[in-house]
């Protein structure tokens, strides 16, 4: 039996999660992508297939750390509130809810986004 890599296991988790949640125009999906050097976030309306807002650590001028992820959460929340989006569905993309992912979610909640 072939051993699966960490990323392959994450992608299996991602498919399971995405089968259960979807973004609508009233409540879009807040999708997170984390690489070794960057964290990026998109607010997506799956019914129309459009990205409503996006941000990354490069936009937030933050470091690739927990504090930088918190700042990124605040930035995406501001962009959402400017576009009159108050509620979102949080899609962690198979990443565990701790560290940068948790800090991003808490930063977005602190800035007024509800999920």
N, C-alpha and C. Protein backbone atom coordinates (compact mmCIF):
# COMPACT_ATOMS: atom_id res chain seq x y z
N UNK A 1 0.83 -1.18 0.00
CA UNK A 1 0.00 0.00 0.00
C UNK A 1 0.88 1.25 0.00
N UNK A 2 0.56 2.16 -0.91
CA UNK A 2 1.35 3.37 -1.05
C UNK A 2 0.99 4.37 0.05
N UNK A 3 2.02 4.97 0.65
CA UNK A 3 1.80 5.95 1.70
C UNK A 3 1.43 7.29 1.08
N UNK A 4 0.37 7.90 1.61
CA UNK A 4 -0.08 9.19 1.11
C UNK A 4 0.71 10.31 1.77
N UNK A 5 0.97 11.36 1.00
CA UNK A 5 1.67 12.51 1.57
C UNK A 5 0.70 13.33 2.41
N UNK A 6 1.25 14.25 3.17
CA UNK A 6 0.43 15.11 4.01
C UNK A 6 -0.55 15.93 3.17
N UNK A 7 -0.06 16.41 2.02
CA UNK A 7 -0.92 17.23 1.17
C UNK A 7 -2.04 16.39 0.54
N UNK A 8 -1.76 15.15 0.19
CA UNK A 8 -2.81 14.29 -0.38
C UNK A 8 -3.89 14.01 0.66
N UNK A 9 -3.50 13.81 1.90
CA UNK A 9 -4.47 13.59 2.98
C UNK A 9 -5.30 14.86 3.18
N UNK A 10 -4.65 16.03 3.11
CA UNK A 10 -5.37 17.30 3.22
C UNK A 10 -6.37 17.46 2.08
N UNK A 11 -6.00 17.08 0.88
CA UNK A 11 -6.91 17.20 -0.26
C UNK A 11 -8.11 16.27 -0.12
N UNK A 12 -7.92 15.09 0.48
CA UNK A 12 -9.06 14.21 0.77
C UNK A 12 -10.02 14.89 1.75
N UNK A 13 -9.44 15.49 2.81
CA UNK A 13 -10.26 16.23 3.78
C UNK A 13 -10.99 17.38 3.10
N UNK A 14 -10.29 18.09 2.20
CA UNK A 14 -10.88 19.23 1.50
C UNK A 14 -12.09 18.79 0.68
N UNK A 15 -11.97 17.67 -0.03
CA UNK A 15 -13.10 17.18 -0.85
C UNK A 15 -14.30 16.82 0.03
N UNK A 16 -14.04 16.22 1.19
CA UNK A 16 -15.13 15.88 2.11
C UNK A 16 -15.84 17.14 2.60
N UNK A 17 -15.05 18.16 2.95
CA UNK A 17 -15.61 19.41 3.45
C UNK A 17 -16.40 20.11 2.35
N UNK A 18 -15.84 20.19 1.15
CA UNK A 18 -16.49 20.92 0.05
C UNK A 18 -17.77 20.24 -0.42
N UNK A 19 -17.90 18.94 -0.19
CA UNK A 19 -19.13 18.24 -0.56
C UNK A 19 -20.29 18.70 0.31
N UNK A 20 -19.98 19.20 1.50
CA UNK A 20 -21.03 19.57 2.45
C UNK A 20 -21.32 21.07 2.47
N UNK A 21 -20.39 21.92 2.05
CA UNK A 21 -20.65 23.35 2.13
C UNK A 21 -20.46 24.03 0.79
N UNK A 22 -21.24 25.08 0.60
CA UNK A 22 -21.20 25.83 -0.64
C UNK A 22 -21.57 27.27 -0.33
N UNK A 23 -21.03 28.20 -1.10
CA UNK A 23 -21.31 29.61 -0.88
C UNK A 23 -22.44 30.08 -1.78
N UNK A 24 -23.31 30.91 -1.26
CA UNK A 24 -24.39 31.50 -2.03
C UNK A 24 -24.18 33.01 -2.08
N UNK A 25 -25.07 33.71 -2.77
CA UNK A 25 -24.93 35.16 -2.85
C UNK A 25 -25.23 35.82 -1.50
N UNK A 26 -26.14 35.21 -0.69
CA UNK A 26 -26.44 35.76 0.63
C UNK A 26 -25.33 35.42 1.63
N UNK A 27 -24.75 34.24 1.50
CA UNK A 27 -23.73 33.77 2.44
C UNK A 27 -22.60 33.11 1.65
N UNK A 28 -21.65 33.92 1.13
CA UNK A 28 -20.56 33.35 0.33
C UNK A 28 -19.57 32.55 1.16
N UNK A 29 -18.68 31.85 0.46
CA UNK A 29 -17.70 30.97 1.10
C UNK A 29 -16.38 31.71 1.25
N UNK A 30 -15.82 31.69 2.46
CA UNK A 30 -14.51 32.28 2.74
C UNK A 30 -13.48 31.15 2.65
N UNK A 31 -12.80 31.06 1.51
CA UNK A 31 -11.86 29.97 1.26
C UNK A 31 -10.43 30.41 1.60
N UNK A 32 -9.70 29.55 2.29
CA UNK A 32 -8.34 29.85 2.74
C UNK A 32 -7.36 28.95 2.00
N UNK A 33 -6.24 29.52 1.54
CA UNK A 33 -5.16 28.72 0.99
C UNK A 33 -3.88 29.13 1.71
N UNK A 34 -3.15 28.12 2.18
CA UNK A 34 -1.93 28.37 2.94
C UNK A 34 -0.79 27.65 2.25
N UNK A 35 0.24 28.39 1.87
CA UNK A 35 1.44 27.78 1.32
C UNK A 35 2.57 27.98 2.33
N UNK A 36 3.75 27.59 1.95
CA UNK A 36 4.87 27.72 2.88
C UNK A 36 5.28 29.18 3.07
N UNK A 37 4.98 30.04 2.07
CA UNK A 37 5.42 31.43 2.15
C UNK A 37 4.29 32.44 2.28
N UNK A 38 3.05 32.02 2.03
CA UNK A 38 1.97 32.98 1.96
C UNK A 38 0.67 32.36 2.45
N UNK A 39 -0.28 33.21 2.79
CA UNK A 39 -1.64 32.80 3.11
C UNK A 39 -2.54 33.70 2.28
N UNK A 40 -3.50 33.11 1.57
CA UNK A 40 -4.42 33.92 0.79
C UNK A 40 -5.85 33.49 1.08
N UNK A 41 -6.77 34.44 0.91
CA UNK A 41 -8.18 34.23 1.24
C UNK A 41 -9.02 34.76 0.10
N UNK A 42 -10.09 34.04 -0.23
CA UNK A 42 -11.05 34.50 -1.24
C UNK A 42 -12.45 34.35 -0.69
N UNK A 43 -13.31 35.28 -1.03
CA UNK A 43 -14.73 35.19 -0.71
C UNK A 43 -15.43 34.88 -2.02
N UNK A 44 -16.06 33.69 -2.09
CA UNK A 44 -16.55 33.14 -3.36
C UNK A 44 -18.05 32.90 -3.29
N UNK A 45 -18.74 33.31 -4.36
CA UNK A 45 -20.14 32.98 -4.56
C UNK A 45 -20.17 31.79 -5.51
N UNK A 46 -20.40 30.59 -4.97
CA UNK A 46 -20.34 29.37 -5.79
C UNK A 46 -21.51 29.26 -6.76
N UNK A 47 -22.66 29.84 -6.42
CA UNK A 47 -23.81 29.73 -7.31
C UNK A 47 -23.57 30.52 -8.60
N UNK A 48 -22.89 31.66 -8.52
CA UNK A 48 -22.56 32.44 -9.71
C UNK A 48 -21.16 32.13 -10.23
N UNK A 49 -20.34 31.47 -9.41
CA UNK A 49 -18.98 31.14 -9.83
C UNK A 49 -18.07 32.35 -9.88
N UNK A 50 -18.26 33.30 -8.94
CA UNK A 50 -17.47 34.52 -8.96
C UNK A 50 -16.78 34.75 -7.62
N UNK A 51 -15.60 35.35 -7.69
CA UNK A 51 -14.88 35.77 -6.50
C UNK A 51 -15.31 37.20 -6.17
N UNK A 52 -15.83 37.40 -4.97
CA UNK A 52 -16.34 38.70 -4.57
C UNK A 52 -15.27 39.58 -3.93
N UNK A 53 -14.33 38.96 -3.21
CA UNK A 53 -13.24 39.69 -2.57
C UNK A 53 -12.08 38.73 -2.38
N UNK A 54 -10.88 39.28 -2.37
CA UNK A 54 -9.69 38.45 -2.17
C UNK A 54 -8.62 39.27 -1.47
N UNK A 55 -7.76 38.58 -0.72
CA UNK A 55 -6.65 39.24 -0.04
C UNK A 55 -5.58 38.20 0.24
N UNK A 56 -4.35 38.66 0.41
CA UNK A 56 -3.26 37.77 0.79
C UNK A 56 -2.34 38.52 1.74
N UNK A 57 -1.35 37.84 2.24
CA UNK A 57 -0.40 38.48 3.15
C UNK A 57 0.36 39.59 2.46
N UNK A 58 0.50 39.51 1.14
CA UNK A 58 1.19 40.57 0.40
C UNK A 58 0.36 41.86 0.45
N UNK A 59 -0.98 41.73 0.39
CA UNK A 59 -1.85 42.90 0.49
C UNK A 59 -1.86 43.46 1.90
N UNK A 60 -1.85 42.57 2.89
CA UNK A 60 -1.92 42.99 4.29
C UNK A 60 -0.57 43.49 4.80
N UNK A 61 0.48 43.33 4.01
CA UNK A 61 1.83 43.72 4.38
C UNK A 61 2.25 43.09 5.71
N UNK A 62 1.82 41.84 5.91
CA UNK A 62 2.14 41.13 7.14
C UNK A 62 3.16 40.03 6.89
N UNK A 63 3.72 39.53 7.97
CA UNK A 63 4.65 38.41 7.86
C UNK A 63 3.87 37.10 7.84
N UNK A 64 4.52 36.05 7.42
CA UNK A 64 3.90 34.73 7.38
C UNK A 64 3.96 34.13 8.78
N UNK A 65 3.10 34.66 9.65
CA UNK A 65 3.05 34.23 11.03
C UNK A 65 1.61 34.29 11.51
N UNK A 66 1.40 33.93 12.76
CA UNK A 66 0.06 33.98 13.34
C UNK A 66 -0.45 35.42 13.38
N UNK A 67 0.43 36.37 13.74
CA UNK A 67 0.03 37.77 13.79
C UNK A 67 -0.32 38.29 12.39
N UNK A 68 0.46 37.89 11.40
CA UNK A 68 0.16 38.30 10.02
C UNK A 68 -1.17 37.74 9.55
N UNK A 69 -1.48 36.51 9.94
CA UNK A 69 -2.75 35.91 9.56
C UNK A 69 -3.92 36.63 10.22
N UNK A 70 -3.72 37.09 11.44
CA UNK A 70 -4.77 37.84 12.13
C UNK A 70 -5.04 39.16 11.41
N UNK A 71 -3.99 39.83 10.97
CA UNK A 71 -4.13 41.07 10.20
C UNK A 71 -4.84 40.80 8.86
N UNK A 72 -4.53 39.67 8.25
CA UNK A 72 -5.18 39.29 7.00
C UNK A 72 -6.67 39.06 7.21
N UNK A 73 -7.04 38.47 8.33
CA UNK A 73 -8.44 38.27 8.66
C UNK A 73 -9.17 39.59 8.80
N UNK A 74 -8.52 40.57 9.43
CA UNK A 74 -9.13 41.89 9.58
C UNK A 74 -9.29 42.57 8.22
N UNK A 75 -8.29 42.41 7.35
CA UNK A 75 -8.34 43.03 6.02
C UNK A 75 -9.47 42.45 5.18
N UNK A 76 -9.62 41.13 5.17
CA UNK A 76 -10.67 40.52 4.35
C UNK A 76 -12.04 40.86 4.93
N UNK A 77 -12.15 41.01 6.24
CA UNK A 77 -13.42 41.40 6.85
C UNK A 77 -13.81 42.81 6.42
N UNK A 78 -12.83 43.72 6.38
CA UNK A 78 -13.10 45.08 5.92
C UNK A 78 -13.57 45.09 4.48
N UNK A 79 -12.91 44.29 3.62
CA UNK A 79 -13.30 44.23 2.21
C UNK A 79 -14.71 43.67 2.06
N UNK A 80 -15.04 42.67 2.86
CA UNK A 80 -16.39 42.08 2.81
C UNK A 80 -17.43 43.09 3.27
N UNK A 81 -17.16 43.78 4.36
CA UNK A 81 -18.13 44.74 4.87
C UNK A 81 -18.31 45.91 3.90
N UNK A 82 -17.25 46.28 3.16
CA UNK A 82 -17.38 47.32 2.13
C UNK A 82 -18.26 46.85 0.98
N UNK A 83 -18.25 45.54 0.71
CA UNK A 83 -19.09 44.96 -0.35
C UNK A 83 -20.46 44.52 0.18
N UNK A 84 -20.79 44.93 1.41
CA UNK A 84 -22.08 44.61 2.05
C UNK A 84 -22.27 43.11 2.27
N UNK A 85 -21.17 42.43 2.60
CA UNK A 85 -21.22 41.01 2.95
C UNK A 85 -20.95 40.92 4.45
N UNK A 86 -21.93 40.43 5.21
CA UNK A 86 -21.78 40.35 6.66
C UNK A 86 -21.60 38.93 7.16
N UNK A 87 -22.19 37.95 6.45
CA UNK A 87 -22.10 36.54 6.86
C UNK A 87 -21.40 35.74 5.78
N UNK A 88 -20.53 34.84 6.20
CA UNK A 88 -19.83 33.94 5.28
C UNK A 88 -19.80 32.53 5.86
N UNK A 89 -19.50 31.57 4.99
CA UNK A 89 -19.26 30.18 5.40
C UNK A 89 -17.75 29.99 5.37
N UNK A 90 -17.17 29.54 6.47
CA UNK A 90 -15.71 29.40 6.56
C UNK A 90 -15.27 28.06 5.98
N UNK A 91 -14.45 28.10 4.94
CA UNK A 91 -13.90 26.91 4.30
C UNK A 91 -12.41 26.88 4.60
N UNK A 92 -12.02 25.98 5.51
CA UNK A 92 -10.61 25.92 5.91
C UNK A 92 -9.77 25.08 4.95
N UNK A 93 -10.38 24.52 3.91
CA UNK A 93 -9.69 23.79 2.83
C UNK A 93 -8.89 22.59 3.33
N UNK A 94 -9.36 21.93 4.36
CA UNK A 94 -8.70 20.73 4.85
C UNK A 94 -7.58 20.99 5.84
N UNK A 95 -7.25 22.25 6.08
CA UNK A 95 -6.22 22.56 7.07
C UNK A 95 -6.82 22.42 8.45
N UNK A 96 -5.99 22.05 9.42
CA UNK A 96 -6.47 21.94 10.79
C UNK A 96 -6.77 23.33 11.33
N UNK A 97 -7.78 23.42 12.18
CA UNK A 97 -8.20 24.71 12.72
C UNK A 97 -7.33 25.05 13.92
N UNK A 98 -6.12 25.49 13.65
CA UNK A 98 -5.21 25.97 14.69
C UNK A 98 -4.15 26.81 14.01
N UNK A 99 -3.40 27.55 14.78
CA UNK A 99 -2.32 28.36 14.23
C UNK A 99 -2.83 29.49 13.36
N UNK A 100 -2.30 29.57 12.12
CA UNK A 100 -2.63 30.67 11.22
C UNK A 100 -4.09 30.66 10.80
N UNK A 101 -4.66 29.48 10.59
CA UNK A 101 -6.05 29.38 10.16
C UNK A 101 -6.97 29.89 11.27
N UNK A 102 -6.70 29.50 12.49
CA UNK A 102 -7.50 29.95 13.62
C UNK A 102 -7.34 31.45 13.83
N UNK A 103 -6.12 31.98 13.72
CA UNK A 103 -5.87 33.40 13.89
C UNK A 103 -6.58 34.21 12.81
N UNK A 104 -6.59 33.70 11.58
CA UNK A 104 -7.28 34.38 10.48
C UNK A 104 -8.78 34.46 10.78
N UNK A 105 -9.36 33.36 11.22
CA UNK A 105 -10.79 33.34 11.53
C UNK A 105 -11.12 34.28 12.69
N UNK A 106 -10.29 34.29 13.72
CA UNK A 106 -10.53 35.16 14.86
C UNK A 106 -10.38 36.63 14.49
N UNK A 107 -9.41 36.94 13.61
CA UNK A 107 -9.24 38.32 13.14
C UNK A 107 -10.44 38.79 12.34
N UNK A 108 -10.99 37.91 11.51
CA UNK A 108 -12.16 38.27 10.71
C UNK A 108 -13.38 38.46 11.61
N UNK A 109 -13.51 37.61 12.61
CA UNK A 109 -14.65 37.76 13.55
C UNK A 109 -14.52 39.05 14.35
N UNK A 110 -13.29 39.37 14.76
CA UNK A 110 -13.08 40.59 15.55
C UNK A 110 -13.40 41.85 14.74
N UNK A 111 -13.22 41.79 13.43
CA UNK A 111 -13.49 42.95 12.59
C UNK A 111 -14.95 43.05 12.17
N UNK A 112 -15.78 42.08 12.59
CA UNK A 112 -17.21 42.20 12.36
C UNK A 112 -17.83 41.21 11.40
N UNK A 113 -17.05 40.26 10.89
CA UNK A 113 -17.59 39.25 9.98
C UNK A 113 -18.21 38.12 10.80
N UNK A 114 -19.35 37.61 10.35
CA UNK A 114 -20.03 36.55 11.09
C UNK A 114 -19.98 35.25 10.32
N UNK A 115 -19.58 34.16 11.02
CA UNK A 115 -19.66 32.81 10.45
C UNK A 115 -19.67 31.78 11.54
